[in-house]
PDB file of N, CA and C in Angstrom:
ATOM      1  N   MET A   1       0.827  -1.195   0.000  1.00  0.00           N
ATOM      2  CA  MET A   1       0.000   0.000   0.000  1.00  0.00           C
ATOM      3  C   MET A   1       0.868   1.253   0.000  1.00  0.00           C
ATOM      4  N   SER A   2       1.850   1.282   0.860  1.00  0.00           N
ATOM      5  CA  SER A   2       2.624   2.489   1.028  1.00  0.00           C
ATOM      6  C   SER A   2       4.105   2.145   1.049  1.00  0.00           C
ATOM      7  N   SER A   3       4.920   3.065   0.561  1.00  0.00           N
ATOM      8  CA  SER A   3       6.351   2.800   0.512  1.00  0.00           C
ATOM      9  C   SER A   3       6.962   2.737   1.901  1.00  0.00           C
ATOM     10  N   ILE A   4       6.401   3.462   2.853  1.00  0.00           N
ATOM     11  CA  ILE A   4       6.967   3.481   4.196  1.00  0.00           C
ATOM     12  C   ILE A   4       6.703   2.180   4.946  1.00  0.00           C
ATOM     13  N   ALA A   5       5.712   1.435   4.519  1.00  0.00           N
ATOM     14  CA  ALA A   5       5.348   0.211   5.234  1.00  0.00           C
ATOM     15  C   ALA A   5       6.516  -0.767   5.313  1.00  0.00           C
ATOM     16  N   GLN A   6       7.463  -0.693   4.392  1.00  0.00           N
ATOM     17  CA  GLN A   6       8.598  -1.602   4.404  1.00  0.00           C
ATOM     18  C   GLN A   6       9.799  -1.036   5.174  1.00  0.00           C
ATOM     19  N   LEU A   7       9.733   0.184   5.602  1.00  0.00           N
ATOM     20  CA  LEU A   7      10.885   0.824   6.232  1.00  0.00           C
ATOM     21  C   LEU A   7      10.835   0.711   7.748  1.00  0.00           C
ATOM     22  N   VAL A   8      11.999   0.508   8.335  1.00  0.00           N
ATOM     23  CA  VAL A   8      12.122   0.395   9.780  1.00  0.00           C
ATOM     24  C   VAL A   8      12.878   1.613  10.282  1.00  0.00           C
ATOM     25  N   PHE A   9      12.431   2.169  11.391  1.00  0.00           N
ATOM     26  CA  PHE A   9      13.107   3.324  11.959  1.00  0.00           C
ATOM     27  C   PHE A   9      14.498   2.893  12.423  1.00  0.00           C
ATOM     28  N   PRO A  10      15.527   3.633  12.037  1.00  0.00           N
ATOM     29  CA  PRO A  10      16.898   3.200  12.349  1.00  0.00           C
ATOM     30  C   PRO A  10      17.263   3.404  13.821  1.00  0.00           C
ATOM     31  N   PRO A  11      18.061   2.485  14.350  1.00  0.00           N
ATOM     32  CA  PRO A  11      18.564   2.692  15.711  1.00  0.00           C
ATOM     33  C   PRO A  11      19.564   3.842  15.703  1.00  0.00           C
ATOM     34  N   LEU A  12      19.869   4.334  16.881  1.00  0.00           N
ATOM     35  CA  LEU A  12      20.917   5.352  16.973  1.00  0.00           C
ATOM     36  C   LEU A  12      22.231   4.737  16.509  1.00  0.00           C
ATOM     37  N   PRO A  13      23.045   5.512  15.799  1.00  0.00           N
ATOM     38  CA  PRO A  13      24.359   4.980  15.415  1.00  0.00           C
ATOM     39  C   PRO A  13      25.221   4.792  16.666  1.00  0.00           C
ATOM     40  N   GLN A  14      26.225   3.987  16.539  1.00  0.00           N
ATOM     41  CA  GLN A  14      27.124   3.739  17.664  1.00  0.00           C
ATOM     42  C   GLN A  14      27.961   4.996  17.914  1.00  0.00           C
ATOM     43  N   PRO A  15      27.956   5.533  19.143  1.00  0.00           N
ATOM     44  CA  PRO A  15      28.812   6.699  19.418  1.00  0.00           C
ATOM     45  C   PRO A  15      30.279   6.269  19.466  1.00  0.00           C
ATOM     46  N   SER A  16      31.166   7.229  19.282  1.00  0.00           N
ATOM     47  CA  SER A  16      32.593   6.887  19.283  1.00  0.00           C
ATOM     48  C   SER A  16      33.063   6.488  20.683  1.00  0.00           C
ATOM     49  N   LEU A  17      32.456   7.069  21.711  1.00  0.00           N
ATOM     50  CA  LEU A  17      32.820   6.734  23.093  1.00  0.00           C
ATOM     51  C   LEU A  17      31.563   6.522  23.928  1.00  0.00           C
ATOM     52  N   GLY A  18      31.522   5.453  24.666  1.00  0.00           N
ATOM     53  CA  GLY A  18      30.446   5.254  25.631  1.00  0.00           C
ATOM     54  C   GLY A  18      29.060   5.143  25.022  1.00  0.00           C
ATOM     55  N   ARG A  19      28.139   5.919  25.623  1.00  0.00           N
ATOM     56  CA  ARG A  19      26.733   5.903  25.205  1.00  0.00           C
ATOM     57  C   ARG A  19      26.292   7.314  24.857  1.00  0.00           C
ATOM     58  N   TRP A  20      25.197   7.387  24.089  1.00  0.00           N
ATOM     59  CA  TRP A  20      24.619   8.696  23.798  1.00  0.00           C
ATOM     60  C   TRP A  20      24.034   9.263  25.083  1.00  0.00           C
ATOM     61  N   PRO A  21      24.067  10.591  25.249  1.00  0.00           N
ATOM     62  CA  PRO A  21      23.452  11.201  26.430  1.00  0.00           C
ATOM     63  C   PRO A  21      21.960  10.860  26.506  1.00  0.00           C
ATOM     64  N   ALA A  22      21.418  10.931  27.706  1.00  0.00           N
ATOM     65  CA  ALA A  22      20.013  10.575  27.946  1.00  0.00           C
ATOM     66  C   ALA A  22      19.060  11.398  27.085  1.00  0.00           C
ATOM     67  N   ASN A  23      19.377  12.681  26.855  1.00  0.00           N
ATOM     68  CA  ASN A  23      18.471  13.518  26.057  1.00  0.00           C
ATOM     69  C   ASN A  23      18.408  13.050  24.601  1.00  0.00           C
ATOM     70  N   ILE A  24      19.515  12.572  24.061  1.00  0.00           N
ATOM     71  CA  ILE A  24      19.519  12.065  22.686  1.00  0.00           C
ATOM     72  C   ILE A  24      18.764  10.740  22.618  1.00  0.00           C
ATOM     73  N   GLN A  25      18.955   9.892  23.619  1.00  0.00           N
ATOM     74  CA  GLN A  25      18.220   8.626  23.656  1.00  0.00           C
ATOM     75  C   GLN A  25      16.712   8.868  23.776  1.00  0.00           C
ATOM     76  N   ALA A  26      16.322   9.833  24.620  1.00  0.00           N
ATOM     77  CA  ALA A  26      14.898  10.157  24.777  1.00  0.00           C
ATOM     78  C   ALA A  26      14.329  10.736  23.486  1.00  0.00           C
ATOM     79  N   ALA A  27      15.099  11.583  22.822  1.00  0.00           N
ATOM     80  CA  ALA A  27      14.652  12.163  21.547  1.00  0.00           C
ATOM     81  C   ALA A  27      14.444  11.053  20.516  1.00  0.00           C
ATOM     82  N   HIS A  28      15.371  10.124  20.455  1.00  0.00           N
ATOM     83  CA  HIS A  28      15.256   8.994  19.523  1.00  0.00           C
ATOM     84  C   HIS A  28      13.993   8.185  19.817  1.00  0.00           C
ATOM     85  N   ARG A  29      13.747   7.881  21.094  1.00  0.00           N
ATOM     86  CA  ARG A  29      12.549   7.105  21.459  1.00  0.00           C
ATOM     87  C   ARG A  29      11.273   7.830  21.047  1.00  0.00           C
ATOM     88  N   THR A  30      11.230   9.141  21.253  1.00  0.00           N
ATOM     89  CA  THR A  30      10.028   9.915  20.923  1.00  0.00           C
ATOM     90  C   THR A  30       9.792   9.947  19.416  1.00  0.00           C
ATOM     91  N   ILE A  31      10.834  10.237  18.651  1.00  0.00           N
ATOM     92  CA  ILE A  31      10.688  10.278  17.188  1.00  0.00           C
ATOM     93  C   ILE A  31      10.279   8.898  16.669  1.00  0.00           C
ATOM     94  N   LYS A  32      10.907   7.857  17.190  1.00  0.00           N
ATOM     95  CA  LYS A  32      10.582   6.488  16.768  1.00  0.00           C
ATOM     96  C   LYS A  32       9.126   6.152  17.092  1.00  0.00           C
ATOM     97  N   LYS A  33       8.658   6.562  18.267  1.00  0.00           N
ATOM     98  CA  LYS A  33       7.271   6.279  18.661  1.00  0.00           C
ATOM     99  C   LYS A  33       6.288   6.963  17.710  1.00  0.00           C
ATOM    100  N   VAL A  34       6.517   8.234  17.412  1.00  0.00           N
ATOM    101  CA  VAL A  34       5.634   8.975  16.502  1.00  0.00           C
ATOM    102  C   VAL A  34       5.666   8.333  15.112  1.00  0.00           C
ATOM    103  N   HIS A  35       6.845   7.966  14.656  1.00  0.00           N
ATOM    104  CA  HIS A  35       6.983   7.317  13.347  1.00  0.00           C
ATOM    105  C   HIS A  35       6.261   5.971  13.327  1.00  0.00           C
ATOM    106  N   ASN A  36       6.449   5.169  14.362  1.00  0.00           N
ATOM    107  CA  ASN A  36       5.806   3.855  14.405  1.00  0.00           C
ATOM    108  C   ASN A  36       4.286   3.964  14.457  1.00  0.00           C
ATOM    109  N   GLN A  37       3.777   4.994  15.118  1.00  0.00           N
ATOM    110  CA  GLN A  37       2.329   5.209  15.133  1.00  0.00           C
ATOM    111  C   GLN A  37       1.831   5.565  13.732  1.00  0.00           C
ATOM    112  N   ALA A  38       2.608   6.340  13.002  1.00  0.00           N
ATOM    113  CA  ALA A  38       2.248   6.658  11.616  1.00  0.00           C
ATOM    114  C   ALA A  38       2.285   5.387  10.763  1.00  0.00           C
ATOM    115  N   LEU A  39       3.288   4.546  10.988  1.00  0.00           N
ATOM    116  CA  LEU A  39       3.370   3.269  10.273  1.00  0.00           C
ATOM    117  C   LEU A  39       2.128   2.427  10.517  1.00  0.00           C
ATOM    118  N   TYR A  40       1.682   2.398  11.760  1.00  0.00           N
ATOM    119  CA  TYR A  40       0.492   1.624  12.110  1.00  0.00           C
ATOM    120  C   TYR A  40      -0.709   2.099  11.290  1.00  0.00           C
ATOM    121  N   VAL A  41      -0.864   3.413  11.185  1.00  0.00           N
ATOM    122  CA  VAL A  41      -1.971   3.971  10.400  1.00  0.00           C
ATOM    123  C   VAL A  41      -1.832   3.555   8.937  1.00  0.00           C
ATOM    124  N   LEU A  42      -0.627   3.646   8.409  1.00  0.00           N
ATOM    125  CA  LEU A  42      -0.405   3.315   7.002  1.00  0.00           C
ATOM    126  C   LEU A  42      -0.604   1.831   6.707  1.00  0.00           C
ATOM    127  N   GLN A  43      -0.369   0.995   7.687  1.00  0.00           N
ATOM    128  CA  GLN A  43      -0.514  -0.446   7.489  1.00  0.00           C
ATOM    129  C   GLN A  43      -1.898  -0.953   7.875  1.00  0.00           C
ATOM    130  N   SER A  44      -2.728  -0.072   8.402  1.00  0.00           N
ATOM    131  CA  SER A  44      -4.058  -0.468   8.859  1.00  0.00           C
ATOM    132  C   SER A  44      -4.951  -0.818   7.676  1.00  0.00           C
ATOM    133  N   ASP A  45      -5.606  -1.951   7.785  1.00  0.00           N
ATOM    134  CA  ASP A  45      -6.538  -2.369   6.738  1.00  0.00           C
ATOM    135  C   ASP A  45      -7.962  -1.920   7.041  1.00  0.00           C
ATOM    136  N   SER A  46      -8.166  -1.426   8.240  1.00  0.00           N
ATOM    137  CA  SER A  46      -9.517  -1.021   8.617  1.00  0.00           C
ATOM    138  C   SER A  46      -9.814   0.383   8.090  1.00  0.00           C
ATOM    139  N   PHE A  47     -11.064   0.793   8.237  1.00  0.00           N
ATOM    140  CA  PHE A  47     -11.485   2.124   7.791  1.00  0.00           C
ATOM    141  C   PHE A  47     -10.657   3.185   8.501  1.00  0.00           C
ATOM    142  N   LEU A  48     -10.200   4.150   7.762  1.00  0.00           N
ATOM    143  CA  LEU A  48      -9.417   5.237   8.331  1.00  0.00           C
ATOM    144  C   LEU A  48     -10.258   6.498   8.418  1.00  0.00           C
ATOM    145  N   ASP A  49     -10.234   7.098   9.557  1.00  0.00           N
ATOM    146  CA  ASP A  49     -10.909   8.363   9.788  1.00  0.00           C
ATOM    147  C   ASP A  49      -9.968   9.480   9.324  1.00  0.00           C
ATOM    148  N   PRO A  50     -10.446  10.414   8.504  1.00  0.00           N
ATOM    149  CA  PRO A  50      -9.575  11.505   8.037  1.00  0.00           C
ATOM    150  C   PRO A  50      -8.955  12.295   9.191  1.00  0.00           C
ATOM    151  N   THR A  51      -9.687  12.428  10.283  1.00  0.00           N
ATOM    152  CA  THR A  51      -9.163  13.157  11.438  1.00  0.00           C
ATOM    153  C   THR A  51      -7.983  12.406  12.045  1.00  0.00           C
ATOM    154  N   TRP A  52      -8.081  11.097  12.079  1.00  0.00           N
ATOM    155  CA  TRP A  52      -7.012  10.265  12.616  1.00  0.00           C
ATOM    156  C   TRP A  52      -5.756  10.395  11.762  1.00  0.00           C
ATOM    157  N   VAL A  53      -5.916  10.360  10.461  1.00  0.00           N
ATOM    158  CA  VAL A  53      -4.780  10.504   9.547  1.00  0.00           C
ATOM    159  C   VAL A  53      -4.150  11.890   9.719  1.00  0.00           C
ATOM    160  N   SER A  54      -4.984  12.925   9.777  1.00  0.00           N
ATOM    161  CA  SER A  54      -4.486  14.298   9.960  1.00  0.00           C
ATOM    162  C   SER A  54      -3.736  14.445  11.277  1.00  0.00           C
ATOM    163  N   PHE A  55      -4.239  13.789  12.316  1.00  0.00           N
ATOM    164  CA  PHE A  55      -3.575  13.836  13.620  1.00  0.00           C
ATOM    165  C   PHE A  55      -2.136  13.333  13.505  1.00  0.00           C
ATOM    166  N   HIS A  56      -1.935  12.243  12.785  1.00  0.00           N
ATOM    167  CA  HIS A  56      -0.595  11.669  12.668  1.00  0.00           C
ATOM    168  C   HIS A  56       0.313  12.507  11.770  1.00  0.00           C
ATOM    169  N   ILE A  57      -0.246  13.145  10.767  1.00  0.00           N
ATOM    170  CA  ILE A  57       0.543  14.086   9.961  1.00  0.00           C
ATOM    171  C   ILE A  57       1.031  15.218  10.859  1.00  0.00           C
ATOM    172  N   GLU A  58       0.118  15.754  11.657  1.00  0.00           N
ATOM    173  CA  GLU A  58       0.461  16.853  12.569  1.00  0.00           C
ATOM    174  C   GLU A  58       1.483  16.402  13.612  1.00  0.00           C
ATOM    175  N   ALA A  59       1.346  15.184  14.121  1.00  0.00           N
ATOM    176  CA  ALA A  59       2.298  14.676  15.120  1.00  0.00           C
ATOM    177  C   ALA A  59       3.710  14.596  14.541  1.00  0.00           C
ATOM    178  N   LEU A  60       3.816  14.141  13.308  1.00  0.00           N
ATOM    179  CA  LEU A  60       5.133  14.088  12.670  1.00  0.00           C
ATOM    180  C   LEU A  60       5.698  15.493  12.476  1.00  0.00           C
ATOM    181  N   ALA A  61       4.845  16.411  12.022  1.00  0.00           N
ATOM    182  CA  ALA A  61       5.302  17.777  11.725  1.00  0.00           C
ATOM    183  C   ALA A  61       5.586  18.587  12.983  1.00  0.00           C
ATOM    184  N   SER A  62       4.783  18.408  14.023  1.00  0.00           N
ATOM    185  CA  SER A  62       4.922  19.271  15.200  1.00  0.00           C
ATOM    186  C   SER A  62       5.696  18.627  16.344  1.00  0.00           C
ATOM    187  N   THR A  63       5.919  17.326  16.287  1.00  0.00           N
ATOM    188  CA  THR A  63       6.673  16.658  17.349  1.00  0.00           C
ATOM    189  C   THR A  63       7.990  16.097  16.820  1.00  0.00           C
ATOM    190  N   ALA A  64       7.905  15.210  15.835  1.00  0.00           N
ATOM    191  CA  ALA A  64       9.112  14.521  15.367  1.00  0.00           C
ATOM    192  C   ALA A  64      10.116  15.469  14.706  1.00  0.00           C
ATOM    193  N   LEU A  65       9.644  16.324  13.809  1.00  0.00           N
ATOM    194  CA  LEU A  65      10.580  17.217  13.098  1.00  0.00           C
ATOM    195  C   LEU A  65      11.280  18.217  14.018  1.00  0.00           C
ATOM    196  N   PRO A  66      10.562  18.896  14.936  1.00  0.00           N
ATOM    197  CA  PRO A  66      11.280  19.814  15.831  1.00  0.00           C
ATOM    198  C   PRO A  66      12.317  19.107  16.714  1.00  0.00           C
ATOM    199  N   ILE A  67      11.997  17.893  17.148  1.00  0.00           N
ATOM    200  CA  ILE A  67      12.973  17.145  17.946  1.00  0.00           C
ATOM    201  C   ILE A  67      14.183  16.798  17.088  1.00  0.00           C
ATOM    202  N   LEU A  68      13.935  16.371  15.863  1.00  0.00           N
ATOM    203  CA  LEU A  68      15.039  16.059  14.953  1.00  0.00           C
ATOM    204  C   LEU A  68      15.896  17.301  14.701  1.00  0.00           C
ATOM    205  N   GLU A  69      15.255  18.442  14.509  1.00  0.00           N
ATOM    206  CA  GLU A  69      16.000  19.698  14.313  1.00  0.00           C
ATOM    207  C   GLU A  69      16.875  20.012  15.514  1.00  0.00           C
ATOM    208  N   ALA A  70      16.373  19.710  16.705  1.00  0.00           N
ATOM    209  CA  ALA A  70      17.154  19.972  17.917  1.00  0.00           C
ATOM    210  C   ALA A  70      18.387  19.073  18.004  1.00  0.00           C
ATOM    211  N   LEU A  71      18.383  17.985  17.264  1.00  0.00           N
ATOM    212  CA  LEU A  71      19.532  17.072  17.260  1.00  0.00           C
ATOM    213  C   LEU A  71      20.606  17.469  16.253  1.00  0.00           C
ATOM    214  N   LEU A  72      20.322  18.464  15.418  1.00  0.00           N
ATOM    215  CA  LEU A  72      21.315  18.914  14.436  1.00  0.00           C
ATOM    216  C   LEU A  72      22.548  19.445  15.154  1.00  0.00           C
ATOM    217  N   PRO A  73      23.724  19.261  14.565  1.00  0.00           N
ATOM    218  CA  PRO A  73      24.956  19.702  15.223  1.00  0.00           C
ATOM    219  C   PRO A  73      24.945  21.166  15.649  1.00  0.00           C
ATOM    220  N   SER A  74      24.333  22.051  14.875  1.00  0.00           N
ATOM    221  CA  SER A  74      24.309  23.468  15.247  1.00  0.00           C
ATOM    222  C   SER A  74      23.433  23.712  16.466  1.00  0.00           C
ATOM    223  N   SER A  75      22.491  22.790  16.752  1.00  0.00           N
ATOM    224  CA  SER A  75      21.595  22.940  17.891  1.00  0.00           C
ATOM    225  C   SER A  75      22.116  22.222  19.126  1.00  0.00           C
ATOM    226  N   ALA A  76      22.944  21.214  18.932  1.00  0.00           N
ATOM    227  CA  ALA A  76      23.413  20.395  20.047  1.00  0.00           C
ATOM    228  C   ALA A  76      24.482  21.132  20.842  1.00  0.00           C
ATOM    229  N   SER A  77      24.629  20.718  22.063  1.00  0.00           N
ATOM    230  CA  SER A  77      25.662  21.273  22.922  1.00  0.00           C
ATOM    231  C   SER A  77      27.034  20.958  22.323  1.00  0.00           C
ATOM    232  N   HIS A  78      27.968  21.868  22.476  1.00  0.00           N
ATOM    233  CA  HIS A  78      29.315  21.650  21.939  1.00  0.00           C
ATOM    234  C   HIS A  78      30.037  20.536  22.691  1.00  0.00           C
ATOM    235  N   GLU A  79      29.557  20.209  23.898  1.00  0.00           N
ATOM    236  CA  GLU A  79      30.179  19.147  24.675  1.00  0.00           C
ATOM    237  C   GLU A  79      29.773  17.773  24.162  1.00  0.00           C
ATOM    238  N   ASP A  80      28.602  17.678  23.544  1.00  0.00           N
ATOM    239  CA  ASP A  80      28.092  16.394  23.071  1.00  0.00           C
ATOM    240  C   ASP A  80      28.646  16.054  21.696  1.00  0.00           C
ATOM    241  N   GLU A  81      28.867  14.764  21.485  1.00  0.00           N
ATOM    242  CA  GLU A  81      29.246  14.278  20.159  1.00  0.00           C
ATOM    243  C   GLU A  81      28.027  14.434  19.248  1.00  0.00           C
ATOM    244  N   PRO A  82      28.193  15.044  18.070  1.00  0.00           N
ATOM    245  CA  PRO A  82      27.031  15.196  17.179  1.00  0.00           C
ATOM    246  C   PRO A  82      26.658  13.871  16.520  1.00  0.00           C
ATOM    247  N   LEU A  83      25.381  13.730  16.227  1.00  0.00           N
ATOM    248  CA  LEU A  83      24.922  12.566  15.471  1.00  0.00           C
ATOM    249  C   LEU A  83      25.431  12.691  14.040  1.00  0.00           C
ATOM    250  N   PRO A  84      25.746  11.589  13.401  1.00  0.00           N
ATOM    251  CA  PRO A  84      26.239  11.652  12.022  1.00  0.00           C
ATOM    252  C   PRO A  84      25.208  12.276  11.080  1.00  0.00           C
ATOM    253  N   GLN A  85      25.691  13.101  10.187  1.00  0.00           N
ATOM    254  CA  GLN A  85      24.832  13.797   9.226  1.00  0.00           C
ATOM    255  C   GLN A  85      23.987  12.820   8.414  1.00  0.00           C
ATOM    256  N   GLU A  86      24.603  11.710   7.973  1.00  0.00           N
ATOM    257  CA  GLU A  86      23.855  10.749   7.150  1.00  0.00           C
ATOM    258  C   GLU A  86      22.701  10.107   7.925  1.00  0.00           C
ATOM    259  N   TRP A  87      22.865   9.913   9.231  1.00  0.00           N
ATOM    260  CA  TRP A  87      21.776   9.363  10.043  1.00  0.00           C
ATOM    261  C   TRP A  87      20.649  10.390  10.148  1.00  0.00           C
ATOM    262  N   LEU A  88      21.002  11.635  10.416  1.00  0.00           N
ATOM    263  CA  LEU A  88      19.998  12.700  10.528  1.00  0.00           C
ATOM    264  C   LEU A  88      19.223  12.869   9.220  1.00  0.00           C
ATOM    265  N   VAL A  89      19.934  12.866   8.103  1.00  0.00           N
ATOM    266  CA  VAL A  89      19.285  13.006   6.791  1.00  0.00           C
ATOM    267  C   VAL A  89      18.375  11.808   6.525  1.00  0.00           C
ATOM    268  N   GLY A  90      18.836  10.613   6.865  1.00  0.00           N
ATOM    269  CA  GLY A  90      18.020   9.417   6.676  1.00  0.00           C
ATOM    270  C   GLY A  90      16.725   9.471   7.470  1.00  0.00           C
ATOM    271  N   VAL A  91      16.809   9.922   8.707  1.00  0.00           N
ATOM    272  CA  VAL A  91      15.612  10.041   9.546  1.00  0.00           C
ATOM    273  C   VAL A  91      14.695  11.129   8.996  1.00  0.00           C
ATOM    274  N   ALA A  92      15.264  12.243   8.560  1.00  0.00           N
ATOM    275  CA  ALA A  92      14.440  13.314   7.977  1.00  0.00           C
ATOM    276  C   ALA A  92      13.691  12.807   6.744  1.00  0.00           C
ATOM    277  N   ARG A  93      14.361  12.039   5.909  1.00  0.00           N
ATOM    278  CA  ARG A  93      13.702  11.475   4.715  1.00  0.00           C
ATOM    279  C   ARG A  93      12.598  10.497   5.106  1.00  0.00           C
ATOM    280  N   LEU A  94      12.855   9.700   6.124  1.00  0.00           N
ATOM    281  CA  LEU A  94      11.867   8.738   6.596  1.00  0.00           C
ATOM    282  C   LEU A  94      10.615   9.453   7.101  1.00  0.00           C
ATOM    283  N   ILE A  95      10.804  10.517   7.863  1.00  0.00           N
ATOM    284  CA  ILE A  95       9.672  11.301   8.364  1.00  0.00           C
ATOM    285  C   ILE A  95       8.944  11.968   7.200  1.00  0.00           C
ATOM    286  N   GLY A  96       9.708  12.540   6.282  1.00  0.00           N
ATOM    287  CA  GLY A  96       9.089  13.169   5.114  1.00  0.00           C
ATOM    288  C   GLY A  96       8.278  12.185   4.295  1.00  0.00           C
ATOM    289  N   GLN A  97       8.801  10.968   4.130  1.00  0.00           N
ATOM    290  CA  GLN A  97       8.067   9.939   3.385  1.00  0.00           C
ATOM    291  C   GLN A  97       6.793   9.545   4.125  1.00  0.00           C
ATOM    292  N   ALA A  98       6.870   9.463   5.446  1.00  0.00           N
ATOM    293  CA  ALA A  98       5.679   9.131   6.241  1.00  0.00           C
ATOM    294  C   ALA A  98       4.609  10.198   6.066  1.00  0.00           C
ATOM    295  N   VAL A  99       5.017  11.467   6.100  1.00  0.00           N
ATOM    296  CA  VAL A  99       4.058  12.559   5.899  1.00  0.00           C
ATOM    297  C   VAL A  99       3.439  12.466   4.508  1.00  0.00           C
ATOM    298  N   GLN A 100       4.266  12.248   3.493  1.00  0.00           N
ATOM    299  CA  GLN A 100       3.754  12.138   2.120  1.00  0.00           C
ATOM    300  C   GLN A 100       2.776  10.978   1.995  1.00  0.00           C
ATOM    301  N   ASP A 101       3.135   9.837   2.557  1.00  0.00           N
ATOM    302  CA  ASP A 101       2.255   8.667   2.486  1.00  0.00           C
ATOM    303  C   ASP A 101       0.938   8.921   3.215  1.00  0.00           C
ATOM    304  N   LEU A 102       1.011   9.566   4.374  1.00  0.00           N
ATOM    305  CA  LEU A 102      -0.215   9.892   5.111  1.00  0.00           C
ATOM    306  C   LEU A 102      -1.073  10.884   4.332  1.00  0.00           C
ATOM    307  N   GLN A 103      -0.437  11.859   3.681  1.00  0.00           N
ATOM    308  CA  GLN A 103      -1.202  12.808   2.863  1.00  0.00           C
ATOM    309  C   GLN A 103      -1.894  12.098   1.707  1.00  0.00           C
ATOM    310  N   ASP A 104      -1.218  11.129   1.109  1.00  0.00           N
ATOM    311  CA  ASP A 104      -1.835  10.344   0.034  1.00  0.00           C
ATOM    312  C   ASP A 104      -3.038   9.565   0.554  1.00  0.00           C
ATOM    313  N   VAL A 105      -2.886   8.945   1.725  1.00  0.00           N
ATOM    314  CA  VAL A 105      -3.992   8.201   2.339  1.00  0.00           C
ATOM    315  C   VAL A 105      -5.137   9.148   2.665  1.00  0.00           C
ATOM    316  N   ALA A 106      -4.814  10.318   3.205  1.00  0.00           N
ATOM    317  CA  ALA A 106      -5.853  11.292   3.562  1.00  0.00           C
ATOM    318  C   ALA A 106      -6.649  11.705   2.333  1.00  0.00           C
ATOM    319  N   GLN A 107      -5.969  11.894   1.226  1.00  0.00           N
ATOM    320  CA  GLN A 107      -6.653  12.284  -0.009  1.00  0.00           C
ATOM    321  C   GLN A 107      -7.634  11.195  -0.446  1.00  0.00           C
ATOM    322  N   VAL A 108      -7.213   9.944  -0.386  1.00  0.00           N
ATOM    323  CA  VAL A 108      -8.085   8.829  -0.767  1.00  0.00           C
ATOM    324  C   VAL A 108      -9.261   8.714   0.196  1.00  0.00           C
ATOM    325  N   VAL A 109      -8.982   8.819   1.494  1.00  0.00           N
ATOM    326  CA  VAL A 109     -10.042   8.709   2.503  1.00  0.00           C
ATOM    327  C   VAL A 109     -11.051   9.835   2.333  1.00  0.00           C
ATOM    328  N   ASN A 110     -10.564  11.042   2.104  1.00  0.00           N
ATOM    329  CA  ASN A 110     -11.480  12.174   1.908  1.00  0.00           C
ATOM    330  C   ASN A 110     -12.324  11.990   0.650  1.00  0.00           C
ATOM    331  N   MET A 111     -11.722  11.464  -0.405  1.00  0.00           N
ATOM    332  CA  MET A 111     -12.453  11.228  -1.642  1.00  0.00           C
ATOM    333  C   MET A 111     -13.554  10.176  -1.418  1.00  0.00           C
ATOM    334  N   CYS A 112     -13.213   9.119  -0.684  1.00  0.00           N
ATOM    335  CA  CYS A 112     -14.200   8.069  -0.394  1.00  0.00           C
ATOM    336  C   CYS A 112     -15.346   8.618   0.441  1.00  0.00           C
ATOM    337  N   GLU A 113     -15.017   9.449   1.420  1.00  0.00           N
ATOM    338  CA  GLU A 113     -16.069  10.045   2.251  1.00  0.00           C
ATOM    339  C   GLU A 113     -16.962  10.950   1.408  1.00  0.00           C
ATOM    340  N   TRP A 114     -16.361  11.706   0.516  1.00  0.00           N
ATOM    341  CA  TRP A 114     -17.124  12.624  -0.328  1.00  0.00           C
ATOM    342  C   TRP A 114     -18.092  11.854  -1.217  1.00  0.00           C
ATOM    343  N   GLN A 115     -17.657  10.718  -1.732  1.00  0.00           N
ATOM    344  CA  GLN A 115     -18.507   9.908  -2.601  1.00  0.00           C
ATOM    345  C   GLN A 115     -19.678   9.292  -1.843  1.00  0.00           C
ATOM    346  N   GLU A 116     -19.525   9.121  -0.533  1.00  0.00           N
ATOM    347  CA  GLU A 116     -20.593   8.536   0.273  1.00  0.00           C
ATOM    348  C   GLU A 116     -21.623   9.563   0.726  1.00  0.00           C
ATOM    349  N   VAL A 117     -21.351  10.834   0.515  1.00  0.00           N
ATOM    350  CA  VAL A 117     -22.277  11.889   0.929  1.00  0.00           C
ATOM    351  C   VAL A 117     -23.461  11.901  -0.025  1.00  0.00           C
ATOM    352  N   SER A 118     -24.647  11.872   0.545  1.00  0.00           N
ATOM    353  CA  SER A 118     -25.842  11.978  -0.302  1.00  0.00           C
ATOM    354  C   SER A 118     -26.543  13.289   0.022  1.00  0.00           C
ATOM    355  N   ILE A 119     -26.902  13.987  -1.009  1.00  0.00           N
ATOM    356  CA  ILE A 119     -27.552  15.284  -0.852  1.00  0.00           C
ATOM    357  C   ILE A 119     -29.044  15.079  -1.092  1.00  0.00           C
ATOM    358  N   PRO A 120     -29.870  15.356  -0.080  1.00  0.00           N
ATOM    359  CA  PRO A 120     -31.316  15.182  -0.237  1.00  0.00           C
ATOM    360  C   PRO A 120     -31.848  16.035  -1.388  1.00  0.00           C
ATOM    361  N   GLY A 121     -32.733  15.448  -2.169  1.00  0.00           N
ATOM    362  CA  GLY A 121     -33.354  16.176  -3.266  1.00  0.00           C
ATOM    363  C   GLY A 121     -32.540  16.161  -4.540  1.00  0.00           C
ATOM    364  N   SER A 122     -31.422  15.453  -4.551  1.00  0.00           N
ATOM    365  CA  SER A 122     -30.594  15.401  -5.763  1.00  0.00           C
ATOM    366  C   SER A 122     -30.948  14.206  -6.591  1.00  0.00           C
TER     367      SER A 122
END
């Protein structure tokens, strides 16, 4: 159904020393959770409510993307090791694809709802 249905959210890359700070781990968990919820919607075979689809588009745009932006090297503390650029770009593309796929689903769902509307006297 959707191109994102085959994609798995990537784990954090291995840091050069030790472990990633707790804030980076928490950010990863939050972005992954929002993404996985969008995946669930995209893989759902049941009837989709347009409001539900819109909610997940908004969650990706207003939660996942700002957190991802905060992980960019220019936003991160100078004391912290920055996440690799290729990982950040990959996650941004994954989120963008999820939004695109959800928008495609929303368009189909809205079209189906519109076709089911009956106007009295027509």
